[in-house]
Amino acid sequence: MGSRRDDRDLLAAWKGGGTVSFDDQLGGSLSDLIKKRGGRLLECEVQYYTMMILKGLCGIHEMGVHSL
C-alpha cells in the first residue's frame, strides 16, 4: 500500500460513495490500459496489478471495512 495518508484517502473515498482506482498511477483506469494494449497485458503485468488490488483490499480490511 501507499502512505498512511493515501490509505485514509482511499477509505474516505469509499465511505463517501467514491471509487477506488488506479487512475492516478496509470493515467487512466485499468480497463483503459487494457484497451490501449489491444485487449492484452503481459502475464507479469496481470500478476502485478492483481497483487496491487489484493494489497488495497487487505489495507481497507485492516482499517475495519469488511464488505464493499
Foldseek 3Di string as FASTA:
>chain_A
DDDVVVLVVQLVCVVVVHDDACCVVPVHGPVVVCVVVVNDDDPVVVVVVVVVVVVSVVSNVVVPDDDD
